[in-house]
Amino acid sequence: MSSLRIPNVAPALQALLVTQMQQVEALLLSHTKSDHPFVDETAHHLVSAQGKRLRPLLTLLTAQFGDPTNQQVIAAAVACEITHIATLYHDDVMDQAPLRRGVESANLRWGNTIAILTGDFLFAKSSDLLADLGPAAVRLQARTFERLVIGQIMETQGPNPGQDPLEHYLKVVADKTASLISASARYGAMISGAPADITETVTSFGEKIGVAFQLADDVIDIASEFSQSGKTPGTDLRDGVPTLVTLNLLKSNDPADREIQHLLSGPIEDEATVQQVLETLRNHKALDDSREQLHQIAKQAHLLLGPLPICDATSALISLCDAVIDRST
């Protein structure tokens, strides 16, 4: 099933999710095949590298509030994961990342042009799946893609003059990460025929848990000796990309933080300095503050589930909140 382990899932639901995730994997592999061997190789480079599969898992979970046996749910789950993988190819080009999901990034292996075009190929494959699910599904994909692009542009542009950098960052996270996780939750409820109020509830939950998921990655990238996300630890430090932890430190008025604040003002190219900054951040109050912010957002996600019926699927979504936090501890 998903490599993001959700604790305490009811046995019957767990068995169904395992079966359905196997169907997701099969369709994911078959639908991203190409008649051109080189395209097939580049597209399956990250598809085969696996991942947490959070997005399709969330689609399957929210489909429990309608008819989870509807085979279109599997197609929607796969479309969400293909879209996510496509964004990774593009992200790695922008970040010049050397590692993704524990393997060499596509841009490092084949160059930026091939990586970008492979991402485009995967976006096309995702749209092809959604075309069979109706106009509402295609419209949701288009609006989600719009937010993904806007989030990337906002991150590249940086905060506006006078704008709180942390506020700007959280908006970037909402668009760049949470939008697709929210859409994944909405697809499951929408395609399965769940009631409209439940569909809106899980959509809001997906948005909030999506933000928490990214903030957990921020904490992991600093706190872990080895990156649990499959990326090179400290990548954002090397690129000068702000994250929750670094933004919290940059707000400090402690004179003792001036030197590290100066280092965090741009990319850090020297590897010894990267390791020095990582060590400082691991022992700084900013990391504890970031964990607390993460806990608060996960708690908000939990509270959003209040209107849902008491059932195994709701319990699993509550456990998902715990799983996101547990990743960062």
C-alpha atoms as a PDB file:
ATOM      1  CA  MET A   1       0.000   0.000   0.000  1.00  0.00           C
ATOM      2  CA  SER A   2       1.164   3.577   0.575  1.00  0.00           C
ATOM      3  CA  SER A   3       4.552   4.013   2.219  1.00  0.00           C
ATOM      4  CA  LEU A   4       2.888   6.638   4.440  1.00  0.00           C
ATOM      5  CA  ARG A   5       1.730   4.301   7.183  1.00  0.00           C
ATOM      6  CA  ILE A   6      -1.601   5.211   8.762  1.00  0.00           C
ATOM      7  CA  PRO A   7      -1.966   3.650  12.219  1.00  0.00           C
ATOM      8  CA  ASN A   8      -5.020   1.880  13.591  1.00  0.00           C
ATOM      9  CA  VAL A   9      -6.962   1.442  10.352  1.00  0.00           C
ATOM     10  CA  ALA A  10      -9.890  -0.988  10.737  1.00  0.00           C
ATOM     11  CA  PRO A  11      -8.939  -4.417   9.295  1.00  0.00           C
ATOM     12  CA  ALA A  12     -11.726  -4.507   6.676  1.00  0.00           C
ATOM     13  CA  LEU A  13     -10.867  -1.016   5.437  1.00  0.00           C
ATOM     14  CA  GLN A  14      -7.173  -1.843   5.480  1.00  0.00           C
ATOM     15  CA  ALA A  15      -7.777  -4.917   3.323  1.00  0.00           C
ATOM     16  CA  LEU A  16      -9.844  -2.912   0.831  1.00  0.00           C
ATOM     17  CA  LEU A  17      -7.219  -0.144   0.655  1.00  0.00           C
ATOM     18  CA  VAL A  18      -4.436  -2.652   0.049  1.00  0.00           C
ATOM     19  CA  THR A  19      -6.391  -4.193  -2.845  1.00  0.00           C
ATOM     20  CA  GLN A  20      -7.271  -0.815  -4.317  1.00  0.00           C
ATOM     21  CA  MET A  21      -3.714   0.528  -3.990  1.00  0.00           C
ATOM     22  CA  GLN A  22      -2.541  -2.508  -5.950  1.00  0.00           C
ATOM     23  CA  GLN A  23      -5.027  -1.513  -8.661  1.00  0.00           C
ATOM     24  CA  VAL A  24      -3.691   2.043  -8.495  1.00  0.00           C
ATOM     25  CA  GLU A  25      -0.114   0.842  -8.964  1.00  0.00           C
ATOM     26  CA  ALA A  26      -1.082  -1.343 -11.916  1.00  0.00           C
ATOM     27  CA  LEU A  27      -2.949   1.448 -13.693  1.00  0.00           C
ATOM     28  CA  LEU A  28      -0.233   3.962 -12.838  1.00  0.00           C
ATOM     29  CA  LEU A  29       2.375   1.808 -14.553  1.00  0.00           C
ATOM     30  CA  SER A  30       0.261   0.872 -17.570  1.00  0.00           C
ATOM     31  CA  HIS A  31      -1.157   4.347 -18.212  1.00  0.00           C
ATOM     32  CA  THR A  32       2.260   6.036 -18.196  1.00  0.00           C
ATOM     33  CA  LYS A  33       3.721   3.651 -20.771  1.00  0.00           C
ATOM     34  CA  SER A  34       4.771   4.983 -24.147  1.00  0.00           C
ATOM     35  CA  ASP A  35       5.356   3.380 -27.534  1.00  0.00           C
ATOM     36  CA  HIS A  36       8.665   5.244 -27.612  1.00  0.00           C
ATOM     37  CA  PRO A  37      11.238   3.369 -25.479  1.00  0.00           C
ATOM     38  CA  PHE A  38      13.136   6.484 -24.381  1.00  0.00           C
ATOM     39  CA  VAL A  39       9.963   8.296 -23.284  1.00  0.00           C
ATOM     40  CA  ASP A  40       8.894   5.132 -21.494  1.00  0.00           C
ATOM     41  CA  GLU A  41      12.242   5.066 -19.668  1.00  0.00           C
ATOM     42  CA  THR A  42      12.152   8.698 -18.592  1.00  0.00           C
ATOM     43  CA  ALA A  43       8.482   8.635 -17.541  1.00  0.00           C
ATOM     44  CA  HIS A  44       8.892   5.511 -15.427  1.00  0.00           C
ATOM     45  CA  HIS A  45      12.064   6.817 -13.801  1.00  0.00           C
ATOM     46  CA  LEU A  46      10.088   8.416 -10.940  1.00  0.00           C
ATOM     47  CA  VAL A  47       6.901   6.361 -11.329  1.00  0.00           C
ATOM     48  CA  SER A  48       8.874   3.208 -10.499  1.00  0.00           C
ATOM     49  CA  ALA A  49      10.790   4.946  -7.710  1.00  0.00           C
ATOM     50  CA  GLN A  50       7.591   4.742  -5.666  1.00  0.00           C
ATOM     51  CA  GLY A  51       6.773   7.407  -3.085  1.00  0.00           C
ATOM     52  CA  LYS A  52       4.401   7.929  -0.198  1.00  0.00           C
ATOM     53  CA  ARG A  53       1.345   7.744  -2.506  1.00  0.00           C
ATOM     54  CA  LEU A  54      -0.484  10.113  -0.153  1.00  0.00           C
ATOM     55  CA  ARG A  55      -2.666  11.593  -2.887  1.00  0.00           C
ATOM     56  CA  PRO A  56      -4.163   8.370  -4.277  1.00  0.00           C
ATOM     57  CA  LEU A  57      -4.536   6.996  -0.760  1.00  0.00           C
ATOM     58  CA  LEU A  58      -6.520  10.067   0.224  1.00  0.00           C
ATOM     59  CA  THR A  59      -8.732   9.664  -2.863  1.00  0.00           C
ATOM     60  CA  LEU A  60      -9.472   6.083  -1.885  1.00  0.00           C
ATOM     61  CA  LEU A  61     -10.212   7.048   1.722  1.00  0.00           C
ATOM     62  CA  THR A  62     -12.664   9.829   0.882  1.00  0.00           C
ATOM     63  CA  ALA A  63     -14.396   7.543  -1.642  1.00  0.00           C
ATOM     64  CA  GLN A  64     -15.535   5.474   1.361  1.00  0.00           C
ATOM     65  CA  PHE A  65     -18.219   8.115   1.966  1.00  0.00           C
ATOM     66  CA  GLY A  66     -19.877   7.169  -1.330  1.00  0.00           C
ATOM     67  CA  ASP A  67     -19.497   4.070  -3.489  1.00  0.00           C
ATOM     68  CA  PRO A  68     -15.823   3.053  -3.087  1.00  0.00           C
ATOM     69  CA  THR A  69     -16.212   0.231  -5.623  1.00  0.00           C
ATOM     70  CA  ASN A  70     -16.731   2.688  -8.487  1.00  0.00           C
ATOM     71  CA  GLN A  71     -13.771   1.969 -10.791  1.00  0.00           C
ATOM     72  CA  GLN A  72     -13.593   5.622 -11.761  1.00  0.00           C
ATOM     73  CA  VAL A  73     -12.255   6.249  -8.246  1.00  0.00           C
ATOM     74  CA  ILE A  74      -9.132   4.270  -9.165  1.00  0.00           C
ATOM     75  CA  ALA A  75      -8.687   6.352 -12.315  1.00  0.00           C
ATOM     76  CA  ALA A  76      -9.035   9.586 -10.334  1.00  0.00           C
ATOM     77  CA  ALA A  77      -6.521   8.379  -7.756  1.00  0.00           C
ATOM     78  CA  VAL A  78      -4.024   7.545 -10.496  1.00  0.00           C
ATOM     79  CA  ALA A  79      -4.569  10.902 -12.215  1.00  0.00           C
ATOM     80  CA  CYS A  80      -3.714  12.690  -8.970  1.00  0.00           C
ATOM     81  CA  GLU A  81      -0.493  10.736  -8.539  1.00  0.00           C
ATOM     82  CA  ILE A  82       0.546  11.231 -12.166  1.00  0.00           C
ATOM     83  CA  THR A  83      -0.016  14.977 -11.785  1.00  0.00           C
ATOM     84  CA  HIS A  84       2.090  14.968  -8.633  1.00  0.00           C
ATOM     85  CA  ILE A  85       4.924  13.061 -10.308  1.00  0.00           C
ATOM     86  CA  ALA A  86       4.832  15.455 -13.258  1.00  0.00           C
ATOM     87  CA  THR A  87       5.356  18.399 -10.898  1.00  0.00           C
ATOM     88  CA  LEU A  88       8.403  16.655  -9.397  1.00  0.00           C
ATOM     89  CA  TYR A  89      10.147  16.617 -12.795  1.00  0.00           C
ATOM     90  CA  HIS A  90       9.542  20.355 -13.136  1.00  0.00           C
ATOM     91  CA  ASP A  91      10.453  21.124  -9.506  1.00  0.00           C
ATOM     92  CA  ASP A  92      13.773  19.336  -9.818  1.00  0.00           C
ATOM     93  CA  VAL A  93      14.681  21.412 -12.866  1.00  0.00           C
ATOM     94  CA  MET A  94      13.945  24.636 -11.006  1.00  0.00           C
ATOM     95  CA  ASP A  95      15.783  23.481  -7.879  1.00  0.00           C
ATOM     96  CA  GLN A  96      18.567  21.672  -9.773  1.00  0.00           C
ATOM     97  CA  ALA A  97      18.042  18.837  -7.319  1.00  0.00           C
ATOM     98  CA  PRO A  98      20.427  15.872  -7.690  1.00  0.00           C
ATOM     99  CA  LEU A  99      18.209  13.334  -5.907  1.00  0.00           C
ATOM    100  CA  ARG A 100      14.509  12.503  -5.896  1.00  0.00           C
ATOM    101  CA  ARG A 101      12.755   9.589  -4.173  1.00  0.00           C
ATOM    102  CA  GLY A 102      16.139   8.112  -3.416  1.00  0.00           C
ATOM    103  CA  VAL A 103      17.249   7.980  -7.065  1.00  0.00           C
ATOM    104  CA  GLU A 104      19.141  10.306  -9.370  1.00  0.00           C
ATOM    105  CA  SER A 105      16.869  13.131 -10.524  1.00  0.00           C
ATOM    106  CA  ALA A 106      15.787  13.102 -14.174  1.00  0.00           C
ATOM    107  CA  ASN A 107      17.328  16.497 -14.870  1.00  0.00           C
ATOM    108  CA  LEU A 108      20.710  15.313 -13.621  1.00  0.00           C
ATOM    109  CA  ARG A 109      20.481  12.084 -15.599  1.00  0.00           C
ATOM    110  CA  TRP A 110      19.096  13.389 -18.916  1.00  0.00           C
ATOM    111  CA  GLY A 111      19.235  17.166 -18.670  1.00  0.00           C
ATOM    112  CA  ASN A 112      16.662  19.883 -18.039  1.00  0.00           C
ATOM    113  CA  THR A 113      14.957  19.717 -21.434  1.00  0.00           C
ATOM    114  CA  ILE A 114      14.142  16.009 -21.175  1.00  0.00           C
ATOM    115  CA  ALA A 115      12.989  16.401 -17.578  1.00  0.00           C
ATOM    116  CA  ILE A 116      10.628  19.264 -18.488  1.00  0.00           C
ATOM    117  CA  LEU A 117       9.210  17.422 -21.495  1.00  0.00           C
ATOM    118  CA  THR A 118       8.725  14.246 -19.446  1.00  0.00           C
ATOM    119  CA  GLY A 119       6.735  16.264 -16.918  1.00  0.00           C
ATOM    120  CA  ASP A 120       4.634  17.628 -19.781  1.00  0.00           C
ATOM    121  CA  PHE A 121       4.074  14.087 -21.088  1.00  0.00           C
ATOM    122  CA  LEU A 122       2.806  13.016 -17.675  1.00  0.00           C
ATOM    123  CA  PHE A 123       0.474  16.020 -17.407  1.00  0.00           C
ATOM    124  CA  ALA A 124      -1.006  14.914 -20.744  1.00  0.00           C
ATOM    125  CA  LYS A 125      -1.487  11.352 -19.460  1.00  0.00           C
ATOM    126  CA  SER A 126      -3.239  12.623 -16.339  1.00  0.00           C
ATOM    127  CA  SER A 127      -5.605  14.778 -18.414  1.00  0.00           C
ATOM    128  CA  ASP A 128      -6.349  11.791 -20.642  1.00  0.00           C
ATOM    129  CA  LEU A 129      -7.550   9.787 -17.636  1.00  0.00           C
ATOM    130  CA  LEU A 130      -9.675  12.619 -16.277  1.00  0.00           C
ATOM    131  CA  ALA A 131     -11.363  13.235 -19.630  1.00  0.00           C
ATOM    132  CA  ASP A 132     -13.329  10.021 -19.098  1.00  0.00           C
ATOM    133  CA  LEU A 133     -14.557  11.195 -15.676  1.00  0.00           C
ATOM    134  CA  GLY A 134     -16.560  14.171 -16.930  1.00  0.00           C
ATOM    135  CA  PRO A 135     -16.326  17.970 -17.143  1.00  0.00           C
ATOM    136  CA  ALA A 136     -16.317  18.494 -13.361  1.00  0.00           C
ATOM    137  CA  ALA A 137     -13.229  16.309 -12.978  1.00  0.00           C
ATOM    138  CA  VAL A 138     -11.427  18.097 -15.821  1.00  0.00           C
ATOM    139  CA  ARG A 139     -12.352  21.510 -14.391  1.00  0.00           C
ATOM    140  CA  LEU A 140     -11.002  20.534 -10.969  1.00  0.00           C
ATOM    141  CA  GLN A 141      -7.741  19.443 -12.590  1.00  0.00           C
ATOM    142  CA  ALA A 142      -7.466  22.739 -14.503  1.00  0.00           C
ATOM    143  CA  ARG A 143      -8.075  24.866 -11.431  1.00  0.00           C
ATOM    144  CA  THR A 144      -5.666  22.792  -9.361  1.00  0.00           C
ATOM    145  CA  PHE A 145      -3.013  23.096 -12.056  1.00  0.00           C
ATOM    146  CA  GLU A 146      -3.539  26.856 -12.059  1.00  0.00           C
ATOM    147  CA  ARG A 147      -2.830  26.969  -8.329  1.00  0.00           C
ATOM    148  CA  LEU A 148       0.231  24.747  -8.717  1.00  0.00           C
ATOM    149  CA  VAL A 149       1.701  27.132 -11.280  1.00  0.00           C
ATOM    150  CA  ILE A 150       0.803  30.248  -9.289  1.00  0.00           C
ATOM    151  CA  GLY A 151       2.421  28.749  -6.198  1.00  0.00           C
ATOM    152  CA  GLN A 152       5.639  28.112  -8.106  1.00  0.00           C
ATOM    153  CA  ILE A 153       5.628  31.642  -9.550  1.00  0.00           C
ATOM    154  CA  MET A 154       5.004  33.163  -6.113  1.00  0.00           C
ATOM    155  CA  GLU A 155       7.851  31.143  -4.631  1.00  0.00           C
ATOM    156  CA  THR A 156      10.175  32.293  -7.415  1.00  0.00           C
ATOM    157  CA  GLN A 157       9.084  35.937  -7.081  1.00  0.00           C
ATOM    158  CA  GLY A 158       9.308  36.038  -3.289  1.00  0.00           C
ATOM    159  CA  PRO A 159       7.202  38.131  -0.904  1.00  0.00           C
ATOM    160  CA  ASN A 160       5.985  41.566  -1.928  1.00  0.00           C
ATOM    161  CA  PRO A 161       7.490  44.635  -0.215  1.00  0.00           C
ATOM    162  CA  GLY A 162       6.110  44.842   3.312  1.00  0.00           C
ATOM    163  CA  GLN A 163       4.574  41.358   3.187  1.00  0.00           C
ATOM    164  CA  ASP A 164       5.308  38.989   6.063  1.00  0.00           C
ATOM    165  CA  PRO A 165       7.661  36.338   4.604  1.00  0.00           C
ATOM    166  CA  LEU A 166       6.052  33.587   6.673  1.00  0.00           C
ATOM    167  CA  GLU A 167       2.562  34.570   5.487  1.00  0.00           C
ATOM    168  CA  HIS A 168       3.836  34.534   1.912  1.00  0.00           C
ATOM    169  CA  TYR A 169       5.443  31.129   2.406  1.00  0.00           C
ATOM    170  CA  LEU A 170       2.282  29.560   3.816  1.00  0.00           C
ATOM    171  CA  LYS A 171       0.330  30.856   0.804  1.00  0.00           C
ATOM    172  CA  VAL A 172       2.942  29.307  -1.497  1.00  0.00           C
ATOM    173  CA  VAL A 173       2.619  25.998   0.354  1.00  0.00           C
ATOM    174  CA  ALA A 174      -1.182  26.116   0.078  1.00  0.00           C
ATOM    175  CA  ASP A 175      -1.004  26.577  -3.692  1.00  0.00           C
ATOM    176  CA  LYS A 176       2.059  24.520  -4.551  1.00  0.00           C
ATOM    177  CA  THR A 177       1.416  21.510  -2.296  1.00  0.00           C
ATOM    178  CA  ALA A 178      -1.956  21.606  -0.548  1.00  0.00           C
ATOM    179  CA  SER A 179      -3.994  22.334  -3.689  1.00  0.00           C
ATOM    180  CA  LEU A 180      -3.369  18.901  -5.212  1.00  0.00           C
ATOM    181  CA  ILE A 181      -3.815  17.092  -1.891  1.00  0.00           C
ATOM    182  CA  SER A 182      -7.118  18.918  -1.443  1.00  0.00           C
ATOM    183  CA  ALA A 183      -8.144  17.988  -4.992  1.00  0.00           C
ATOM    184  CA  SER A 184      -7.234  14.360  -4.317  1.00  0.00           C
ATOM    185  CA  ALA A 185      -9.594  14.304  -1.343  1.00  0.00           C
ATOM    186  CA  ARG A 186     -12.316  16.013  -3.359  1.00  0.00           C
ATOM    187  CA  TYR A 187     -12.001  13.570  -6.266  1.00  0.00           C
ATOM    188  CA  GLY A 188     -12.648  10.575  -4.024  1.00  0.00           C
ATOM    189  CA  ALA A 189     -15.829  12.006  -2.540  1.00  0.00           C
ATOM    190  CA  MET A 190     -17.043  13.554  -5.796  1.00  0.00           C
ATOM    191  CA  ILE A 191     -16.480  10.520  -8.035  1.00  0.00           C
ATOM    192  CA  SER A 192     -17.913   8.073  -5.490  1.00  0.00           C
ATOM    193  CA  GLY A 193     -21.136  10.075  -5.203  1.00  0.00           C
ATOM    194  CA  ALA A 194     -20.694  11.172  -1.587  1.00  0.00           C
ATOM    195  CA  PRO A 195     -23.106  13.866  -0.306  1.00  0.00           C
ATOM    196  CA  ALA A 196     -22.181  17.450  -1.189  1.00  0.00           C
ATOM    197  CA  ASP A 197     -21.547  18.504   2.425  1.00  0.00           C
ATOM    198  CA  ILE A 198     -19.117  15.622   2.926  1.00  0.00           C
ATOM    199  CA  THR A 199     -17.364  16.494  -0.335  1.00  0.00           C
ATOM    200  CA  GLU A 200     -16.826  20.065   0.883  1.00  0.00           C
ATOM    201  CA  THR A 201     -15.635  18.871   4.302  1.00  0.00           C
ATOM    202  CA  VAL A 202     -12.975  16.522   2.936  1.00  0.00           C
ATOM    203  CA  THR A 203     -11.872  19.181   0.446  1.00  0.00           C
ATOM    204  CA  SER A 204     -11.191  21.608   3.309  1.00  0.00           C
ATOM    205  CA  PHE A 205      -9.487  18.839   5.269  1.00  0.00           C
ATOM    206  CA  GLY A 206      -7.275  18.020   2.298  1.00  0.00           C
ATOM    207  CA  GLU A 207      -6.169  21.648   2.032  1.00  0.00           C
ATOM    208  CA  LYS A 208      -5.207  21.814   5.710  1.00  0.00           C
ATOM    209  CA  ILE A 209      -3.506  18.427   5.888  1.00  0.00           C
ATOM    210  CA  GLY A 210      -1.656  19.325   2.680  1.00  0.00           C
ATOM    211  CA  VAL A 211      -0.108  22.355   4.373  1.00  0.00           C
ATOM    212  CA  ALA A 212       0.787  20.210   7.398  1.00  0.00           C
ATOM    213  CA  PHE A 213       2.361  17.606   5.125  1.00  0.00           C
ATOM    214  CA  GLN A 214       4.720  20.173   3.565  1.00  0.00           C
ATOM    215  CA  LEU A 215       5.609  21.708   6.921  1.00  0.00           C
ATOM    216  CA  ALA A 216       6.448  18.231   8.179  1.00  0.00           C
ATOM    217  CA  ASP A 217       8.833  17.885   5.233  1.00  0.00           C
ATOM    218  CA  ASP A 218      10.407  21.218   6.239  1.00  0.00           C
ATOM    219  CA  VAL A 219      11.049  19.906   9.744  1.00  0.00           C
ATOM    220  CA  ILE A 220      12.318  16.564   8.435  1.00  0.00           C
ATOM    221  CA  ASP A 221      14.778  18.255   6.063  1.00  0.00           C
ATOM    222  CA  ILE A 222      16.421  19.962   9.037  1.00  0.00           C
ATOM    223  CA  ALA A 223      15.930  17.496  11.888  1.00  0.00           C
ATOM    224  CA  SER A 224      16.820  14.205  10.192  1.00  0.00           C
ATOM    225  CA  GLU A 225      20.350  12.994   9.658  1.00  0.00           C
ATOM    226  CA  PHE A 226      19.138  11.342   6.457  1.00  0.00           C
ATOM    227  CA  SER A 227      16.242  12.757   4.489  1.00  0.00           C
ATOM    228  CA  GLN A 228      13.045  10.738   4.902  1.00  0.00           C
ATOM    229  CA  SER A 229      11.627  12.445   1.829  1.00  0.00           C
ATOM    230  CA  GLY A 230      14.111  10.859  -0.594  1.00  0.00           C
ATOM    231  CA  LYS A 231      15.749  14.201  -1.310  1.00  0.00           C
ATOM    232  CA  THR A 232      19.243  15.350  -0.428  1.00  0.00           C
ATOM    233  CA  PRO A 233      19.162  16.716   3.171  1.00  0.00           C
ATOM    234  CA  GLY A 234      19.602  20.479   3.320  1.00  0.00           C
ATOM    235  CA  THR A 235      18.631  20.998  -0.338  1.00  0.00           C
ATOM    236  CA  ASP A 236      16.666  24.151   0.457  1.00  0.00           C
ATOM    237  CA  LEU A 237      19.632  25.590   2.373  1.00  0.00           C
ATOM    238  CA  ARG A 238      21.886  25.050  -0.627  1.00  0.00           C
ATOM    239  CA  ASP A 239      19.368  26.741  -2.913  1.00  0.00           C
ATOM    240  CA  GLY A 240      18.538  29.591  -0.561  1.00  0.00           C
ATOM    241  CA  VAL A 241      14.870  28.551  -0.546  1.00  0.00           C
ATOM    242  CA  PRO A 242      13.052  29.625   2.644  1.00  0.00           C
ATOM    243  CA  THR A 243      11.209  27.021   4.693  1.00  0.00           C
ATOM    244  CA  LEU A 244       9.216  27.123   7.914  1.00  0.00           C
ATOM    245  CA  VAL A 245      12.273  26.523  10.102  1.00  0.00           C
ATOM    246  CA  THR A 246      14.533  29.101   8.445  1.00  0.00           C
ATOM    247  CA  LEU A 247      11.763  31.713   8.349  1.00  0.00           C
ATOM    248  CA  ASN A 248      11.179  31.252  12.079  1.00  0.00           C
ATOM    249  CA  LEU A 249      14.884  31.753  12.727  1.00  0.00           C
ATOM    250  CA  LEU A 250      15.024  34.829  10.500  1.00  0.00           C
ATOM    251  CA  LYS A 251      12.343  36.435  12.719  1.00  0.00           C
ATOM    252  CA  SER A 252      14.618  36.169  15.762  1.00  0.00           C
ATOM    253  CA  ASN A 253      15.803  39.390  17.406  1.00  0.00           C
ATOM    254  CA  ASP A 254      18.546  37.615  19.352  1.00  0.00           C
ATOM    255  CA  PRO A 255      21.945  39.152  18.478  1.00  0.00           C
ATOM    256  CA  ALA A 256      23.453  35.653  18.751  1.00  0.00           C
ATOM    257  CA  ASP A 257      21.476  34.687  15.624  1.00  0.00           C
ATOM    258  CA  ARG A 258      22.888  37.437  13.405  1.00  0.00           C
ATOM    259  CA  GLU A 259      25.594  35.281  11.834  1.00  0.00           C
ATOM    260  CA  ILE A 260      23.318  32.399  10.891  1.00  0.00           C
ATOM    261  CA  GLN A 261      20.662  34.863   9.676  1.00  0.00           C
ATOM    262  CA  HIS A 262      23.275  36.291   7.347  1.00  0.00           C
ATOM    263  CA  LEU A 263      24.084  32.805   6.063  1.00  0.00           C
ATOM    264  CA  LEU A 264      20.387  32.091   5.499  1.00  0.00           C
ATOM    265  CA  SER A 265      19.906  35.238   3.410  1.00  0.00           C
ATOM    266  CA  GLY A 266      20.976  33.402   0.243  1.00  0.00           C
ATOM    267  CA  PRO A 267      22.178  30.069  -1.169  1.00  0.00           C
ATOM    268  CA  ILE A 268      24.868  28.254   0.821  1.00  0.00           C
ATOM    269  CA  GLU A 269      27.342  26.730  -1.609  1.00  0.00           C
ATOM    270  CA  ASP A 270      30.011  25.475   0.795  1.00  0.00           C
ATOM    271  CA  GLU A 271      29.132  21.965   2.000  1.00  0.00           C
ATOM    272  CA  ALA A 272      30.876  22.401   5.354  1.00  0.00           C
ATOM    273  CA  THR A 273      28.788  25.531   5.971  1.00  0.00           C
ATOM    274  CA  VAL A 274      25.599  23.650   5.066  1.00  0.00           C
ATOM    275  CA  GLN A 275      26.400  21.053   7.700  1.00  0.00           C
ATOM    276  CA  GLN A 276      27.245  23.757  10.230  1.00  0.00           C
ATOM    277  CA  VAL A 277      23.930  25.538   9.622  1.00  0.00           C
ATOM    278  CA  LEU A 278      22.017  22.250   9.840  1.00  0.00           C
ATOM    279  CA  GLU A 279      23.599  21.520  13.211  1.00  0.00           C
ATOM    280  CA  THR A 280      22.744  25.007  14.478  1.00  0.00           C
ATOM    281  CA  LEU A 281      19.145  24.735  13.303  1.00  0.00           C
ATOM    282  CA  ARG A 282      18.739  21.323  14.935  1.00  0.00           C
ATOM    283  CA  ASN A 283      19.533  22.873  18.300  1.00  0.00           C
ATOM    284  CA  HIS A 284      17.633  26.137  17.813  1.00  0.00           C
ATOM    285  CA  LYS A 285      14.281  27.195  19.232  1.00  0.00           C
ATOM    286  CA  ALA A 286      13.109  27.810  15.651  1.00  0.00           C
ATOM    287  CA  LEU A 287      12.886  24.054  15.114  1.00  0.00           C
ATOM    288  CA  ASP A 288      10.719  23.607  18.229  1.00  0.00           C
ATOM    289  CA  ASP A 289       8.539  26.532  17.130  1.00  0.00           C
ATOM    290  CA  SER A 290       8.134  24.918  13.699  1.00  0.00           C
ATOM    291  CA  ARG A 291       7.078  21.626  15.236  1.00  0.00           C
ATOM    292  CA  GLU A 292       4.493  23.435  17.342  1.00  0.00           C
ATOM    293  CA  GLN A 293       3.121  25.243  14.277  1.00  0.00           C
ATOM    294  CA  LEU A 294       2.904  21.917  12.479  1.00  0.00           C
ATOM    295  CA  HIS A 295       1.010  20.391  15.400  1.00  0.00           C
ATOM    296  CA  GLN A 296      -1.447  23.299  15.427  1.00  0.00           C
ATOM    297  CA  ILE A 297      -2.203  22.965  11.707  1.00  0.00           C
ATOM    298  CA  ALA A 298      -2.632  19.197  12.004  1.00  0.00           C
ATOM    299  CA  LYS A 299      -4.994  19.838  14.921  1.00  0.00           C
ATOM    300  CA  GLN A 300      -6.996  22.236  12.739  1.00  0.00           C
ATOM    301  CA  ALA A 301      -7.201  19.526  10.066  1.00  0.00           C
ATOM    302  CA  HIS A 302      -8.438  17.109  12.708  1.00  0.00           C
ATOM    303  CA  LEU A 303     -11.169  19.523  13.833  1.00  0.00           C
ATOM    304  CA  LEU A 304     -12.386  19.964  10.248  1.00  0.00           C
ATOM    305  CA  LEU A 305     -13.408  16.303  10.271  1.00  0.00           C
ATOM    306  CA  GLY A 306     -15.989  16.956  13.003  1.00  0.00           C
ATOM    307  CA  PRO A 307     -19.046  16.973  10.684  1.00  0.00           C
ATOM    308  CA  LEU A 308     -18.190  13.600   9.138  1.00  0.00           C
ATOM    309  CA  PRO A 309     -20.108  10.471  10.214  1.00  0.00           C
ATOM    310  CA  ILE A 310     -18.498   8.213  12.783  1.00  0.00           C
ATOM    311  CA  CYS A 311     -17.074   5.392  10.680  1.00  0.00           C
ATOM    312  CA  ASP A 312     -13.842   3.596   9.785  1.00  0.00           C
ATOM    313  CA  ALA A 313     -12.997   6.079   7.026  1.00  0.00           C
ATOM    314  CA  THR A 314     -13.290   9.059   9.372  1.00  0.00           C
ATOM    315  CA  SER A 315     -11.126   7.289  11.940  1.00  0.00           C
ATOM    316  CA  ALA A 316      -8.535   6.642   9.238  1.00  0.00           C
ATOM    317  CA  LEU A 317      -8.487  10.337   8.272  1.00  0.00           C
ATOM    318  CA  ILE A 318      -7.986  11.264  11.923  1.00  0.00           C
ATOM    319  CA  SER A 319      -5.110   8.777  12.099  1.00  0.00           C
ATOM    320  CA  LEU A 320      -3.666  10.380   8.977  1.00  0.00           C
ATOM    321  CA  CYS A 321      -3.259  13.605  10.970  1.00  0.00           C
ATOM    322  CA  ASP A 322      -1.226  11.654  13.520  1.00  0.00           C
ATOM    323  CA  ALA A 323       0.850   9.998  10.789  1.00  0.00           C
ATOM    324  CA  VAL A 324       1.813  13.371   9.308  1.00  0.00           C
ATOM    325  CA  ILE A 325       3.019  14.604  12.692  1.00  0.00           C
ATOM    326  CA  ASP A 326       4.822  11.338  13.456  1.00  0.00           C
ATOM    327  CA  ARG A 327       6.891  11.772  10.281  1.00  0.00           C
ATOM    328  CA  SER A 328       8.512  14.864  11.796  1.00  0.00           C
ATOM    329  CA  THR A 329       9.389  13.455  15.218  1.00  0.00           C
END
